[in-house]
Amino acid sequence: MLAGSTSSLRNLVTCLSVSMDGTLLLSGSHDETVRLWDVQSKQTVRCITHKGPVTNAVIMAAPANMFLPDSRPAVALPRFSRHLLSSEGEGAESGGAWLRLGLYTQ
């Protein structure tokens, strides 16, 4: 590897997602950040840090009534927990985070 190329790999953008209306861009990178961008102004709206390189990120539309004070899920959801994969064991090659809802894994 060439001298100085390690720092350029650390800043490598690994994933992008665009909002449905095209106003926001989400980027994930090897520098362990997820950034939300305003497309028109080309400015960062929010930066979130992560423990490790971000290799997959997506913007998903939320239901319209999700943020209403009296909004309740139609189906009761089981408690979930977050699991960070270690360098050993199943799924270690991805180095990602898993959210587990009951018997289902996403």
PDB file of N, CA and C in Angstrom:
ATOM      1  N   MET A   1       0.833  -1.165   0.000  1.00  0.00           N
ATOM      2  CA  MET A   1       0.000   0.000   0.000  1.00  0.00           C
ATOM      3  C   MET A   1       0.891   1.246   0.000  1.00  0.00           C
ATOM      4  N   LEU A   2       0.502   2.256  -0.708  1.00  0.00           N
ATOM      5  CA  LEU A   2       1.272   3.480  -0.792  1.00  0.00           C
ATOM      6  C   LEU A   2       1.182   4.280   0.494  1.00  0.00           C
ATOM      7  N   ALA A   3       2.241   5.037   0.790  1.00  0.00           N
ATOM      8  CA  ALA A   3       2.230   5.889   1.980  1.00  0.00           C
ATOM      9  C   ALA A   3       1.120   6.927   1.851  1.00  0.00           C
ATOM     10  N   GLY A   4       0.386   7.141   2.934  1.00  0.00           N
ATOM     11  CA  GLY A   4      -0.679   8.144   2.930  1.00  0.00           C
ATOM     12  C   GLY A   4      -2.019   7.618   2.454  1.00  0.00           C
ATOM     13  N   SER A   5      -2.054   6.425   1.848  1.00  0.00           N
ATOM     14  CA  SER A   5      -3.321   5.909   1.327  1.00  0.00           C
ATOM     15  C   SER A   5      -4.222   5.373   2.426  1.00  0.00           C
ATOM     16  N   THR A   6      -3.688   5.083   3.603  1.00  0.00           N
ATOM     17  CA  THR A   6      -4.498   4.593   4.710  1.00  0.00           C
ATOM     18  C   THR A   6      -5.524   5.645   5.127  1.00  0.00           C
ATOM     19  N   SER A   7      -5.138   6.907   5.181  1.00  0.00           N
ATOM     20  CA  SER A   7      -6.074   7.948   5.588  1.00  0.00           C
ATOM     21  C   SER A   7      -7.172   8.135   4.551  1.00  0.00           C
ATOM     22  N   SER A   8      -6.870   7.943   3.266  1.00  0.00           N
ATOM     23  CA  SER A   8      -7.909   8.085   2.253  1.00  0.00           C
ATOM     24  C   SER A   8      -8.898   6.923   2.317  1.00  0.00           C
ATOM     25  N   LEU A   9      -8.451   5.735   2.727  1.00  0.00           N
ATOM     26  CA  LEU A   9      -9.361   4.606   2.902  1.00  0.00           C
ATOM     27  C   LEU A   9     -10.286   4.833   4.090  1.00  0.00           C
ATOM     28  N   ARG A  10      -9.794   5.489   5.117  1.00  0.00           N
ATOM     29  CA  ARG A  10     -10.612   5.769   6.300  1.00  0.00           C
ATOM     30  C   ARG A  10     -11.785   6.673   5.947  1.00  0.00           C
ATOM     31  N   ASN A  11     -11.648   7.548   4.975  1.00  0.00           N
ATOM     32  CA  ASN A  11     -12.704   8.474   4.585  1.00  0.00           C
ATOM     33  C   ASN A  11     -13.580   7.932   3.461  1.00  0.00           C
ATOM     34  N   LEU A  12     -13.359   6.704   3.040  1.00  0.00           N
ATOM     35  CA  LEU A  12     -14.087   6.106   1.933  1.00  0.00           C
ATOM     36  C   LEU A  12     -15.579   5.994   2.240  1.00  0.00           C
ATOM     37  N   VAL A  13     -16.430   6.548   1.361  1.00  0.00           N
ATOM     38  CA  VAL A  13     -17.882   6.418   1.499  1.00  0.00           C
ATOM     39  C   VAL A  13     -18.269   5.045   0.958  1.00  0.00           C
ATOM     40  N   THR A  14     -18.997   4.274   1.773  1.00  0.00           N
ATOM     41  CA  THR A  14     -19.316   2.896   1.400  1.00  0.00           C
ATOM     42  C   THR A  14     -20.777   2.681   1.021  1.00  0.00           C
ATOM     43  N   CYS A  15     -21.666   3.631   1.371  1.00  0.00           N
ATOM     44  CA  CYS A  15     -23.077   3.468   1.027  1.00  0.00           C
ATOM     45  C   CYS A  15     -23.784   4.818   0.974  1.00  0.00           C
ATOM     46  N   LEU A  16     -24.805   4.882   0.115  1.00  0.00           N
ATOM     47  CA  LEU A  16     -25.615   6.090  -0.054  1.00  0.00           C
ATOM     48  C   LEU A  16     -27.081   5.706  -0.147  1.00  0.00           C
ATOM     49  N   SER A  17     -27.948   6.593   0.325  1.00  0.00           N
ATOM     50  CA  SER A  17     -29.387   6.418   0.188  1.00  0.00           C
ATOM     51  C   SER A  17     -30.006   7.805   0.025  1.00  0.00           C
ATOM     52  N   VAL A  18     -30.977   7.925  -0.889  1.00  0.00           N
ATOM     53  CA  VAL A  18     -31.636   9.204  -1.158  1.00  0.00           C
ATOM     54  C   VAL A  18     -33.082   9.121  -0.699  1.00  0.00           C
ATOM     55  N   SER A  19     -33.591  10.206  -0.092  1.00  0.00           N
ATOM     56  CA  SER A  19     -34.985  10.238   0.344  1.00  0.00           C
ATOM     57  C   SER A  19     -35.905  10.207  -0.869  1.00  0.00           C
ATOM     58  N   MET A  20     -37.163   9.825  -0.642  1.00  0.00           N
ATOM     59  CA  MET A  20     -38.132   9.703  -1.731  1.00  0.00           C
ATOM     60  C   MET A  20     -38.337  11.012  -2.478  1.00  0.00           C
ATOM     61  N   ASP A  21     -38.268  12.146  -1.785  1.00  0.00           N
ATOM     62  CA  ASP A  21     -38.465  13.441  -2.441  1.00  0.00           C
ATOM     63  C   ASP A  21     -37.167  14.032  -2.988  1.00  0.00           C
ATOM     64  N   GLY A  22     -36.052  13.359  -2.771  1.00  0.00           N
ATOM     65  CA  GLY A  22     -34.775  13.798  -3.322  1.00  0.00           C
ATOM     66  C   GLY A  22     -34.121  14.957  -2.596  1.00  0.00           C
ATOM     67  N   THR A  23     -34.616  15.322  -1.417  1.00  0.00           N
ATOM     68  CA  THR A  23     -34.051  16.465  -0.698  1.00  0.00           C
ATOM     69  C   THR A  23     -32.951  16.076   0.281  1.00  0.00           C
ATOM     70  N   LEU A  24     -32.909  14.799   0.683  1.00  0.00           N
ATOM     71  CA  LEU A  24     -31.921  14.343   1.657  1.00  0.00           C
ATOM     72  C   LEU A  24     -31.099  13.188   1.103  1.00  0.00           C
ATOM     73  N   LEU A  25     -29.839  13.156   1.512  1.00  0.00           N
ATOM     74  CA  LEU A  25     -28.924  12.086   1.132  1.00  0.00           C
ATOM     75  C   LEU A  25     -28.311  11.548   2.413  1.00  0.00           C
ATOM     76  N   LEU A  26     -28.257  10.233   2.544  1.00  0.00           N
ATOM     77  CA  LEU A  26     -27.654   9.579   3.695  1.00  0.00           C
ATOM     78  C   LEU A  26     -26.391   8.883   3.220  1.00  0.00           C
ATOM     79  N   SER A  27     -25.275   9.112   3.909  1.00  0.00           N
ATOM     80  CA  SER A  27     -24.027   8.447   3.527  1.00  0.00           C
ATOM     81  C   SER A  27     -23.431   7.739   4.731  1.00  0.00           C
ATOM     82  N   GLY A  28     -22.834   6.581   4.474  1.00  0.00           N
ATOM     83  CA  GLY A  28     -22.112   5.837   5.499  1.00  0.00           C
ATOM     84  C   GLY A  28     -20.683   5.678   5.024  1.00  0.00           C
ATOM     85  N   SER A  29     -19.733   5.646   5.962  1.00  0.00           N
ATOM     86  CA  SER A  29     -18.346   5.602   5.541  1.00  0.00           C
ATOM     87  C   SER A  29     -17.457   4.812   6.491  1.00  0.00           C
ATOM     88  N   HIS A  30     -16.247   4.575   6.028  1.00  0.00           N
ATOM     89  CA  HIS A  30     -15.245   3.871   6.825  1.00  0.00           C
ATOM     90  C   HIS A  30     -14.778   4.699   8.010  1.00  0.00           C
ATOM     91  N   ASP A  31     -15.070   6.010   8.042  1.00  0.00           N
ATOM     92  CA  ASP A  31     -14.646   6.835   9.184  1.00  0.00           C
ATOM     93  C   ASP A  31     -15.592   6.689  10.377  1.00  0.00           C
ATOM     94  N   GLU A  32     -16.457   5.666  10.334  1.00  0.00           N
ATOM     95  CA  GLU A  32     -17.361   5.305  11.427  1.00  0.00           C
ATOM     96  C   GLU A  32     -18.452   6.343  11.656  1.00  0.00           C
ATOM     97  N   THR A  33     -18.914   7.003  10.561  1.00  0.00           N
ATOM     98  CA  THR A  33     -19.991   7.975  10.677  1.00  0.00           C
ATOM     99  C   THR A  33     -21.085   7.716   9.651  1.00  0.00           C
ATOM    100  N   VAL A  34     -22.295   8.138  10.022  1.00  0.00           N
ATOM    101  CA  VAL A  34     -23.425   8.206   9.108  1.00  0.00           C
ATOM    102  C   VAL A  34     -23.770   9.687   9.044  1.00  0.00           C
ATOM    103  N   ARG A  35     -23.853  10.236   7.839  1.00  0.00           N
ATOM    104  CA  ARG A  35     -24.163  11.658   7.685  1.00  0.00           C
ATOM    105  C   ARG A  35     -25.432  11.840   6.875  1.00  0.00           C
ATOM    106  N   LEU A  36     -26.276  12.752   7.344  1.00  0.00           N
ATOM    107  CA  LEU A  36     -27.482  13.138   6.633  1.00  0.00           C
ATOM    108  C   LEU A  36     -27.210  14.497   6.004  1.00  0.00           C
ATOM    109  N   TRP A  37     -27.394  14.584   4.682  1.00  0.00           N
ATOM    110  CA  TRP A  37     -27.061  15.791   3.921  1.00  0.00           C
ATOM    111  C   TRP A  37     -28.310  16.435   3.344  1.00  0.00           C
ATOM    112  N   ASP A  38     -28.334  17.760   3.308  1.00  0.00           N
ATOM    113  CA  ASP A  38     -29.332  18.501   2.551  1.00  0.00           C
ATOM    114  C   ASP A  38     -28.778  18.619   1.136  1.00  0.00           C
ATOM    115  N   VAL A  39     -29.476  18.032   0.164  1.00  0.00           N
ATOM    116  CA  VAL A  39     -28.961  17.966  -1.202  1.00  0.00           C
ATOM    117  C   VAL A  39     -28.785  19.353  -1.808  1.00  0.00           C
ATOM    118  N   GLN A  40     -29.767  20.230  -1.644  1.00  0.00           N
ATOM    119  CA  GLN A  40     -29.703  21.549  -2.274  1.00  0.00           C
ATOM    120  C   GLN A  40     -28.539  22.390  -1.742  1.00  0.00           C
ATOM    121  N   SER A  41     -28.377  22.444  -0.422  1.00  0.00           N
ATOM    122  CA  SER A  41     -27.317  23.284   0.156  1.00  0.00           C
ATOM    123  C   SER A  41     -25.968  22.572   0.239  1.00  0.00           C
ATOM    124  N   LYS A  42     -25.970  21.238   0.060  1.00  0.00           N
ATOM    125  CA  LYS A  42     -24.756  20.415   0.166  1.00  0.00           C
ATOM    126  C   LYS A  42     -24.118  20.502   1.556  1.00  0.00           C
ATOM    127  N   GLN A  43     -24.954  20.705   2.577  1.00  0.00           N
ATOM    128  CA  GLN A  43     -24.497  20.820   3.956  1.00  0.00           C
ATOM    129  C   GLN A  43     -24.942  19.601   4.764  1.00  0.00           C
ATOM    130  N   THR A  44     -24.135  19.238   5.755  1.00  0.00           N
ATOM    131  CA  THR A  44     -24.488  18.148   6.656  1.00  0.00           C
ATOM    132  C   THR A  44     -25.575  18.624   7.613  1.00  0.00           C
ATOM    133  N   VAL A  45     -26.664  17.874   7.696  1.00  0.00           N
ATOM    134  CA  VAL A  45     -27.759  18.178   8.612  1.00  0.00           C
ATOM    135  C   VAL A  45     -27.505  17.500   9.958  1.00  0.00           C
ATOM    136  N   ARG A  46     -26.963  16.281   9.921  1.00  0.00           N
ATOM    137  CA  ARG A  46     -26.721  15.501  11.130  1.00  0.00           C
ATOM    138  C   ARG A  46     -25.587  14.522  10.892  1.00  0.00           C
ATOM    139  N   CYS A  47     -24.790  14.290  11.919  1.00  0.00           N
ATOM    140  CA  CYS A  47     -23.711  13.304  11.851  1.00  0.00           C
ATOM    141  C   CYS A  47     -23.828  12.398  13.069  1.00  0.00           C
ATOM    142  N   ILE A  48     -23.883  11.090  12.813  1.00  0.00           N
ATOM    143  CA  ILE A  48     -24.007  10.098  13.881  1.00  0.00           C
ATOM    144  C   ILE A  48     -22.788   9.190  13.820  1.00  0.00           C
ATOM    145  N   THR A  49     -22.158   8.957  14.962  1.00  0.00           N
ATOM    146  CA  THR A  49     -20.993   8.068  14.992  1.00  0.00           C
ATOM    147  C   THR A  49     -21.430   6.641  15.277  1.00  0.00           C
ATOM    148  N   HIS A  50     -20.615   5.705  14.806  1.00  0.00           N
ATOM    149  CA  HIS A  50     -20.886   4.276  14.941  1.00  0.00           C
ATOM    150  C   HIS A  50     -19.588   3.594  15.344  1.00  0.00           C
ATOM    151  N   LYS A  51     -19.673   2.465  16.002  1.00  0.00           N
ATOM    152  CA  LYS A  51     -18.472   1.719  16.397  1.00  0.00           C
ATOM    153  C   LYS A  51     -18.054   0.823  15.252  1.00  0.00           C
ATOM    154  N   GLY A  52     -17.286   1.351  14.334  1.00  0.00           N
ATOM    155  CA  GLY A  52     -16.804   0.588  13.196  1.00  0.00           C
ATOM    156  C   GLY A  52     -17.277   1.193  11.889  1.00  0.00           C
ATOM    157  N   PRO A  53     -16.710   0.751  10.775  1.00  0.00           N
ATOM    158  CA  PRO A  53     -17.094   1.261   9.454  1.00  0.00           C
ATOM    159  C   PRO A  53     -18.574   1.000   9.173  1.00  0.00           C
ATOM    160  N   VAL A  54     -19.238   1.951   8.527  1.00  0.00           N
ATOM    161  CA  VAL A  54     -20.646   1.806   8.148  1.00  0.00           C
ATOM    162  C   VAL A  54     -20.672   1.324   6.702  1.00  0.00           C
ATOM    163  N   THR A  55     -21.221   0.137   6.472  1.00  0.00           N
ATOM    164  CA  THR A  55     -21.210  -0.444   5.127  1.00  0.00           C
ATOM    165  C   THR A  55     -22.593  -0.530   4.500  1.00  0.00           C
ATOM    166  N   ASN A  56     -23.648  -0.183   5.262  1.00  0.00           N
ATOM    167  CA  ASN A  56     -24.994  -0.243   4.710  1.00  0.00           C
ATOM    168  C   ASN A  56     -25.874   0.725   5.488  1.00  0.00           C
ATOM    169  N   ALA A  57     -26.616   1.562   4.778  1.00  0.00           N
ATOM    170  CA  ALA A  57     -27.538   2.513   5.410  1.00  0.00           C
ATOM    171  C   ALA A  57     -28.666   2.791   4.430  1.00  0.00           C
ATOM    172  N   VAL A  58     -29.854   3.047   4.952  1.00  0.00           N
ATOM    173  CA  VAL A  58     -31.004   3.277   4.081  1.00  0.00           C
ATOM    174  C   VAL A  58     -31.956   4.275   4.742  1.00  0.00           C
ATOM    175  N   ILE A  59     -32.596   5.112   3.933  1.00  0.00           N
ATOM    176  CA  ILE A  59     -33.655   6.008   4.396  1.00  0.00           C
ATOM    177  C   ILE A  59     -34.974   5.304   4.100  1.00  0.00           C
ATOM    178  N   MET A  60     -35.801   5.153   5.132  1.00  0.00           N
ATOM    179  CA  MET A  60     -37.101   4.497   4.960  1.00  0.00           C
ATOM    180  C   MET A  60     -38.202   5.462   5.381  1.00  0.00           C
ATOM    181  N   ALA A  61     -39.302   5.445   4.652  1.00  0.00           N
ATOM    182  CA  ALA A  61     -40.449   6.289   4.984  1.00  0.00           C
ATOM    183  C   ALA A  61     -41.152   5.743   6.228  1.00  0.00           C
ATOM    184  N   ALA A  62     -41.489   6.630   7.155  1.00  0.00           N
ATOM    185  CA  ALA A  62     -42.226   6.241   8.361  1.00  0.00           C
ATOM    186  C   ALA A  62     -43.716   6.452   8.113  1.00  0.00           C
ATOM    187  N   PRO A  63     -44.574   5.664   8.768  1.00  0.00           N
ATOM    188  CA  PRO A  63     -46.019   5.887   8.628  1.00  0.00           C
ATOM    189  C   PRO A  63     -46.381   7.309   9.041  1.00  0.00           C
ATOM    190  N   ALA A  64     -47.355   7.918   8.364  1.00  0.00           N
ATOM    191  CA  ALA A  64     -47.734   9.314   8.597  1.00  0.00           C
ATOM    192  C   ALA A  64     -48.144   9.585  10.037  1.00  0.00           C
ATOM    193  N   ASN A  65     -48.814   8.626  10.689  1.00  0.00           N
ATOM    194  CA  ASN A  65     -49.296   8.858  12.056  1.00  0.00           C
ATOM    195  C   ASN A  65     -48.293   8.446  13.134  1.00  0.00           C
ATOM    196  N   MET A  66     -47.104   8.081  12.766  1.00  0.00           N
ATOM    197  CA  MET A  66     -46.125   7.550  13.711  1.00  0.00           C
ATOM    198  C   MET A  66     -45.779   8.523  14.838  1.00  0.00           C
ATOM    199  N   PHE A  67     -45.774   9.801  14.558  1.00  0.00           N
ATOM    200  CA  PHE A  67     -45.335  10.776  15.547  1.00  0.00           C
ATOM    201  C   PHE A  67     -46.484  11.475  16.267  1.00  0.00           C
ATOM    202  N   LEU A  68     -47.712  11.020  16.070  1.00  0.00           N
ATOM    203  CA  LEU A  68     -48.845  11.573  16.798  1.00  0.00           C
ATOM    204  C   LEU A  68     -48.798  11.079  18.245  1.00  0.00           C
ATOM    205  N   PRO A  69     -49.164  11.933  19.210  1.00  0.00           N
ATOM    206  CA  PRO A  69     -49.059  11.548  20.626  1.00  0.00           C
ATOM    207  C   PRO A  69     -49.855  10.295  20.994  1.00  0.00           C
ATOM    208  N   ASP A  70     -51.003  10.076  20.359  1.00  0.00           N
ATOM    209  CA  ASP A  70     -51.831   8.920  20.713  1.00  0.00           C
ATOM    210  C   ASP A  70     -51.642   7.733  19.778  1.00  0.00           C
ATOM    211  N   SER A  71     -50.599   7.759  18.977  1.00  0.00           N
ATOM    212  CA  SER A  71     -50.332   6.681  18.029  1.00  0.00           C
ATOM    213  C   SER A  71     -49.881   5.415  18.762  1.00  0.00           C
ATOM    214  N   ARG A  72     -50.461   4.300  18.412  1.00  0.00           N
ATOM    215  CA  ARG A  72     -50.107   2.998  18.988  1.00  0.00           C
ATOM    216  C   ARG A  72     -49.933   1.998  17.847  1.00  0.00           C
ATOM    217  N   PRO A  73     -48.987   1.071  17.973  1.00  0.00           N
ATOM    218  CA  PRO A  73     -48.833   0.048  16.935  1.00  0.00           C
ATOM    219  C   PRO A  73     -50.085  -0.822  16.829  1.00  0.00           C
ATOM    220  N   ALA A  74     -50.406  -1.258  15.626  1.00  0.00           N
ATOM    221  CA  ALA A  74     -51.558  -2.138  15.417  1.00  0.00           C
ATOM    222  C   ALA A  74     -51.301  -3.517  16.022  1.00  0.00           C
ATOM    223  N   VAL A  75     -50.049  -3.922  16.057  1.00  0.00           N
ATOM    224  CA  VAL A  75     -49.654  -5.214  16.606  1.00  0.00           C
ATOM    225  C   VAL A  75     -48.645  -4.959  17.721  1.00  0.00           C
ATOM    226  N   ALA A  76     -48.815  -5.605  18.852  1.00  0.00           N
ATOM    227  CA  ALA A  76     -47.861  -5.444  19.956  1.00  0.00           C
ATOM    228  C   ALA A  76     -46.519  -6.037  19.553  1.00  0.00           C
ATOM    229  N   LEU A  77     -45.451  -5.274  19.714  1.00  0.00           N
ATOM    230  CA  LEU A  77     -44.112  -5.737  19.349  1.00  0.00           C
ATOM    231  C   LEU A  77     -43.395  -6.268  20.583  1.00  0.00           C
ATOM    232  N   PRO A  78     -42.656  -7.369  20.426  1.00  0.00           N
ATOM    233  CA  PRO A  78     -41.872  -7.877  21.562  1.00  0.00           C
ATOM    234  C   PRO A  78     -40.703  -6.943  21.835  1.00  0.00           C
ATOM    235  N   ARG A  79     -40.137  -7.044  23.029  1.00  0.00           N
ATOM    236  CA  ARG A  79     -38.948  -6.260  23.354  1.00  0.00           C
ATOM    237  C   ARG A  79     -37.815  -6.678  22.419  1.00  0.00           C
ATOM    238  N   PHE A  80     -36.958  -5.745  22.050  1.00  0.00           N
ATOM    239  CA  PHE A  80     -35.835  -6.090  21.190  1.00  0.00           C
ATOM    240  C   PHE A  80     -34.534  -5.660  21.840  1.00  0.00           C
ATOM    241  N   SER A  81     -33.459  -6.255  21.381  1.00  0.00           N
ATOM    242  CA  SER A  81     -32.139  -5.901  21.887  1.00  0.00           C
ATOM    243  C   SER A  81     -31.188  -5.772  20.716  1.00  0.00           C
ATOM    244  N   ARG A  82     -30.156  -5.005  20.908  1.00  0.00           N
ATOM    245  CA  ARG A  82     -29.160  -4.769  19.865  1.00  0.00           C
ATOM    246  C   ARG A  82     -27.941  -5.617  20.174  1.00  0.00           C
ATOM    247  N   HIS A  83     -27.432  -6.279  19.160  1.00  0.00           N
ATOM    248  CA  HIS A  83     -26.265  -7.132  19.325  1.00  0.00           C
ATOM    249  C   HIS A  83     -25.193  -6.695  18.344  1.00  0.00           C
ATOM    250  N   LEU A  84     -24.031  -6.324  18.850  1.00  0.00           N
ATOM    251  CA  LEU A  84     -22.901  -6.039  17.982  1.00  0.00           C
ATOM    252  C   LEU A  84     -22.151  -7.335  17.776  1.00  0.00           C
ATOM    253  N   LEU A  85     -21.861  -7.653  16.522  1.00  0.00           N
ATOM    254  CA  LEU A  85     -21.164  -8.902  16.222  1.00  0.00           C
ATOM    255  C   LEU A  85     -19.695  -8.747  16.557  1.00  0.00           C
ATOM    256  N   SER A  86     -19.139  -9.755  17.172  1.00  0.00           N
ATOM    257  CA  SER A  86     -17.724  -9.729  17.513  1.00  0.00           C
ATOM    258  C   SER A  86     -16.905 -10.233  16.337  1.00  0.00           C
ATOM    259  N   SER A  87     -15.609 -10.275  16.524  1.00  0.00           N
ATOM    260  CA  SER A  87     -14.725 -10.752  15.460  1.00  0.00           C
ATOM    261  C   SER A  87     -14.734 -12.280  15.382  1.00  0.00           C
ATOM    262  N   GLU A  88     -15.458 -12.920  16.289  1.00  0.00           N
ATOM    263  CA  GLU A  88     -15.544 -14.375  16.280  1.00  0.00           C
ATOM    264  C   GLU A  88     -16.988 -14.805  16.076  1.00  0.00           C
ATOM    265  N   GLY A  89     -17.172 -15.997  15.567  1.00  0.00           N
ATOM    266  CA  GLY A  89     -18.506 -16.569  15.482  1.00  0.00           C
ATOM    267  C   GLY A  89     -19.242 -16.234  14.204  1.00  0.00           C
ATOM    268  N   GLU A  90     -20.500 -16.642  14.171  1.00  0.00           N
ATOM    269  CA  GLU A  90     -21.338 -16.504  12.988  1.00  0.00           C
ATOM    270  C   GLU A  90     -21.570 -15.040  12.641  1.00  0.00           C
ATOM    271  N   GLY A  91     -21.452 -14.693  11.373  1.00  0.00           N
ATOM    272  CA  GLY A  91     -21.698 -13.336  10.915  1.00  0.00           C
ATOM    273  C   GLY A  91     -20.569 -12.373  11.192  1.00  0.00           C
ATOM    274  N   ALA A  92     -19.448 -12.851  11.697  1.00  0.00           N
ATOM    275  CA  ALA A  92     -18.348 -11.970  12.067  1.00  0.00           C
ATOM    276  C   ALA A  92     -17.759 -11.236  10.873  1.00  0.00           C
ATOM    277  N   GLU A  93     -17.864 -11.825   9.686  1.00  0.00           N
ATOM    278  CA  GLU A  93     -17.260 -11.199   8.525  1.00  0.00           C
ATOM    279  C   GLU A  93     -17.942  -9.881   8.161  1.00  0.00           C
ATOM    280  N   SER A  94     -19.202  -9.697   8.553  1.00  0.00           N
ATOM    281  CA  SER A  94     -19.906  -8.462   8.213  1.00  0.00           C
ATOM    282  C   SER A  94     -19.607  -7.354   9.206  1.00  0.00           C
ATOM    283  N   GLY A  95     -19.289  -7.689  10.467  1.00  0.00           N
ATOM    284  CA  GLY A  95     -18.982  -6.690  11.472  1.00  0.00           C
ATOM    285  C   GLY A  95     -20.111  -5.706  11.692  1.00  0.00           C
ATOM    286  N   GLY A  96     -21.355  -6.151  11.616  1.00  0.00           N
ATOM    287  CA  GLY A  96     -22.492  -5.251  11.687  1.00  0.00           C
ATOM    288  C   GLY A  96     -23.245  -5.328  12.997  1.00  0.00           C
ATOM    289  N   ALA A  97     -24.344  -4.610  13.056  1.00  0.00           N
ATOM    290  CA  ALA A  97     -25.232  -4.641  14.212  1.00  0.00           C
ATOM    291  C   ALA A  97     -26.537  -5.293  13.780  1.00  0.00           C
ATOM    292  N   TRP A  98     -27.115  -6.089  14.644  1.00  0.00           N
ATOM    293  CA  TRP A  98     -28.362  -6.777  14.350  1.00  0.00           C
ATOM    294  C   TRP A  98     -29.403  -6.324  15.353  1.00  0.00           C
ATOM    295  N   LEU A  99     -30.616  -6.092  14.895  1.00  0.00           N
ATOM    296  CA  LEU A  99     -31.740  -5.847  15.791  1.00  0.00           C
ATOM    297  C   LEU A  99     -32.600  -7.090  15.748  1.00  0.00           C
ATOM    298  N   ARG A 100     -32.904  -7.629  16.904  1.00  0.00           N
ATOM    299  CA  ARG A 100     -33.686  -8.860  16.957  1.00  0.00           C
ATOM    300  C   ARG A 100     -35.055  -8.556  17.556  1.00  0.00           C
ATOM    301  N   LEU A 101     -36.091  -8.877  16.803  1.00  0.00           N
ATOM    302  CA  LEU A 101     -37.460  -8.718  17.274  1.00  0.00           C
ATOM    303  C   LEU A 101     -38.064 -10.098  17.434  1.00  0.00           C
ATOM    304  N   GLY A 102     -38.212 -10.551  18.666  1.00  0.00           N
ATOM    305  CA  GLY A 102     -38.769 -11.872  18.923  1.00  0.00           C
ATOM    306  C   GLY A 102     -37.972 -12.938  18.201  1.00  0.00           C
ATOM    307  N   LEU A 103     -38.657 -13.730  17.365  1.00  0.00           N
ATOM    308  CA  LEU A 103     -38.007 -14.816  16.634  1.00  0.00           C
ATOM    309  C   LEU A 103     -37.380 -14.330  15.337  1.00  0.00           C
ATOM    310  N   TYR A 104     -37.692 -13.117  14.919  1.00  0.00           N
ATOM    311  CA  TYR A 104     -37.228 -12.617  13.642  1.00  0.00           C
ATOM    312  C   TYR A 104     -35.966 -11.789  13.809  1.00  0.00           C
ATOM    313  N   THR A 105     -35.049 -11.889  12.835  1.00  0.00           N
ATOM    314  CA  THR A 105     -33.815 -11.122  12.858  1.00  0.00           C
ATOM    315  C   THR A 105     -33.757 -10.235  11.633  1.00  0.00           C
ATOM    316  N   GLN A 106     -33.406  -8.976  11.838  1.00  0.00           N
ATOM    317  CA  GLN A 106     -33.244  -8.049  10.716  1.00  0.00           C
ATOM    318  C   GLN A 106     -31.887  -7.420  10.792  1.00  0.00           C
TER     319      GLN A 106
END
